[in-house]
Amino acid sequence: MLTKVKAILSKILPKKLSPEDITPYLLIGEEKGLKKLVDQFYFYMDELEEAAECRALHGQSLDSANKKLFMFLSGWLGGPSLYIEKYGHPKMRRRHFPFKITPLERDQWLLCMRKAMDDMSYQAELDDYLYKSFSQFAEHMRNSD
């Protein structure tokens, strides 16, 4: 996983890290980088007409969703398990059952994430890894055709 990026970072980071210590959370900039990604993601969800159906699944304000996604992704990407500490096991698919998530909503969610990731200008190998992971996650959330 992310072999080239980890090798480069292990040479330039001030303290010696083992490969297991170099997580996607670290690579995206830890808390600050993740907050920026999540903020951009919800900016696009709120602004893009192409994401209207996905946006409609959320409340009027995206503040709560923003906070929860930040907390979930923190642990999912190898950082602090903030979501689990506050809410218990995520059970994300079960939590999304009340919402009809078709390929349309899945793809709109991914569009917002793709645009947010583009704004971050990640290194290509990290970008590929993250987008593949987000794509698998989004497909797992789909509960309708």
Protein backbone atom coordinates (compact mmCIF):
# COMPACT_ATOMS: atom_id res chain seq x y z
CA MET A 1 0.00 0.00 0.00
CA LEU A 2 1.41 3.36 -1.06
CA THR A 3 4.92 1.93 -1.21
CA LYS A 4 6.68 4.79 -3.02
CA VAL A 5 5.11 7.49 -0.87
CA LYS A 6 5.95 5.65 2.35
CA ALA A 7 9.56 5.10 1.27
CA ILE A 8 10.02 8.79 0.49
CA LEU A 9 8.38 9.94 3.73
CA SER A 10 10.36 7.55 5.90
CA LYS A 11 13.52 9.32 4.66
CA ILE A 12 12.36 12.92 5.09
CA LEU A 13 10.23 12.93 8.22
CA PRO A 14 12.03 14.22 11.32
CA LYS A 15 11.43 11.12 13.41
CA LYS A 16 11.91 7.55 12.30
CA LEU A 17 8.60 5.96 11.44
CA SER A 18 7.96 2.36 10.63
CA PRO A 19 5.93 1.67 7.48
CA GLU A 20 2.93 0.82 9.69
CA ASP A 21 3.06 4.34 11.15
CA ILE A 22 2.68 5.95 7.74
CA THR A 23 -1.08 5.90 7.28
CA PRO A 24 -3.32 7.65 4.76
CA TYR A 25 -4.32 9.94 7.66
CA LEU A 26 -0.69 11.04 8.04
CA LEU A 27 -0.22 11.37 4.29
CA ILE A 28 -3.18 13.70 3.81
CA GLY A 29 -1.99 16.03 6.55
CA GLU A 30 -3.61 14.54 9.64
CA GLU A 31 -6.40 16.57 11.29
CA LYS A 32 -5.83 19.77 9.30
CA GLY A 33 -5.63 17.98 5.93
CA LEU A 34 -8.66 15.81 6.66
CA LYS A 35 -10.72 18.82 7.79
CA LYS A 36 -9.89 20.60 4.54
CA LEU A 37 -10.87 17.54 2.47
CA VAL A 38 -14.19 17.10 4.28
CA ASP A 39 -14.99 20.82 4.10
CA GLN A 40 -14.34 20.82 0.35
CA PHE A 41 -16.40 17.66 -0.09
CA TYR A 42 -19.43 19.27 1.54
CA PHE A 43 -18.83 22.55 -0.29
CA TYR A 44 -19.23 20.66 -3.56
CA MET A 45 -22.19 18.68 -2.31
CA ASP A 46 -23.95 21.92 -1.44
CA GLU A 47 -23.00 23.75 -4.64
CA LEU A 48 -23.05 21.25 -7.51
CA GLU A 49 -26.33 20.81 -9.34
CA GLU A 50 -24.94 17.46 -10.47
CA ALA A 51 -25.07 16.31 -6.82
CA ALA A 52 -28.65 17.41 -6.11
CA GLU A 53 -30.10 13.96 -5.38
CA CYS A 54 -27.28 13.09 -3.01
CA ARG A 55 -27.57 16.51 -1.33
CA ALA A 56 -31.31 15.96 -0.87
CA LEU A 57 -30.57 12.95 1.36
CA HIS A 58 -29.03 15.31 3.92
CA GLY A 59 -30.60 17.85 6.26
CA GLN A 60 -30.88 21.53 5.47
CA SER A 61 -27.53 22.12 7.18
CA LEU A 62 -24.54 19.94 6.37
CA ASP A 63 -22.76 20.77 9.63
CA SER A 64 -23.65 17.53 11.42
CA ALA A 65 -22.82 15.40 8.38
CA ASN A 66 -19.51 17.25 8.01
CA LYS A 67 -18.56 16.60 11.62
CA LYS A 68 -19.54 12.92 11.48
CA LEU A 69 -17.74 12.27 8.20
CA PHE A 70 -14.61 13.93 9.60
CA MET A 71 -14.78 11.76 12.71
CA PHE A 72 -15.42 8.58 10.71
CA LEU A 73 -12.70 9.22 8.13
CA SER A 74 -10.18 10.02 10.86
CA GLY A 75 -10.29 6.43 12.08
CA TRP A 76 -10.95 4.88 8.67
CA LEU A 77 -7.77 6.47 7.31
CA GLY A 78 -5.63 5.35 10.25
CA GLY A 79 -5.89 8.33 12.58
CA PRO A 80 -7.72 8.71 15.89
CA SER A 81 -10.95 6.67 16.10
CA LEU A 82 -13.07 9.71 16.92
CA TYR A 83 -16.34 8.32 15.56
CA ILE A 84 -16.04 5.06 17.50
CA GLU A 85 -15.14 6.92 20.68
CA LYS A 86 -18.30 9.04 20.45
CA TYR A 87 -20.88 6.81 18.72
CA GLY A 88 -19.54 3.24 18.92
CA HIS A 89 -18.98 0.97 15.94
CA PRO A 90 -19.81 2.90 12.74
CA LYS A 91 -21.98 0.24 11.04
CA MET A 92 -22.08 2.70 8.15
CA ARG A 93 -24.15 0.58 5.79
CA ARG A 94 -26.81 0.02 8.45
CA ARG A 95 -26.85 3.73 9.32
CA HIS A 96 -27.56 4.50 5.65
CA PHE A 97 -30.42 1.99 5.21
CA PRO A 98 -33.12 4.64 5.81
CA PHE A 99 -31.88 6.44 2.67
CA LYS A 100 -32.36 5.14 -0.84
CA ILE A 101 -28.85 5.07 -2.28
CA THR A 102 -28.82 4.12 -5.94
CA PRO A 103 -25.93 4.24 -8.40
CA LEU A 104 -26.95 7.88 -9.04
CA GLU A 105 -26.44 8.98 -5.42
CA ARG A 106 -23.29 6.86 -5.15
CA ASP A 107 -21.83 8.53 -8.23
CA GLN A 108 -22.82 11.99 -7.03
CA TRP A 109 -21.12 11.33 -3.69
CA LEU A 110 -18.01 10.22 -5.57
CA LEU A 111 -18.15 13.30 -7.81
CA CYS A 112 -18.01 15.55 -4.74
CA MET A 113 -15.17 13.50 -3.26
CA ARG A 114 -13.26 13.50 -6.55
CA LYS A 115 -13.52 17.29 -6.82
CA ALA A 116 -12.49 17.74 -3.18
CA MET A 117 -9.51 15.43 -3.69
CA ASP A 118 -8.52 17.35 -6.83
CA ASP A 119 -8.40 20.50 -4.72
CA MET A 120 -5.96 18.78 -2.35
CA SER A 121 -3.40 17.99 -5.08
CA TYR A 122 -2.35 14.67 -3.56
CA GLN A 123 0.60 12.72 -4.92
CA ALA A 124 -0.65 10.38 -7.69
CA GLU A 125 -0.18 7.09 -5.83
CA LEU A 126 -1.97 8.42 -2.74
CA ASP A 127 -4.74 9.91 -4.87
CA ASP A 128 -5.27 6.59 -6.68
CA TYR A 129 -5.32 4.67 -3.41
CA LEU A 130 -7.78 7.05 -1.76
CA TYR A 131 -10.15 7.25 -4.72
CA LYS A 132 -10.22 3.48 -5.09
CA SER A 133 -10.96 3.16 -1.36
CA PHE A 134 -13.71 5.81 -1.50
CA SER A 135 -15.21 4.13 -4.57
CA GLN A 136 -15.38 0.77 -2.79
CA PHE A 137 -16.88 2.44 0.27
CA ALA A 138 -19.50 4.29 -1.81
CA GLU A 139 -20.48 1.09 -3.58
CA HIS A 140 -20.84 -0.63 -0.22
CA MET A 141 -23.30 2.10 0.86
CA ARG A 142 -25.49 1.53 -2.23
CA ASN A 143 -28.69 -0.21 -1.17
CA SER A 144 -30.90 0.09 -4.25
CA ASP A 145 -30.65 -0.23 -8.01
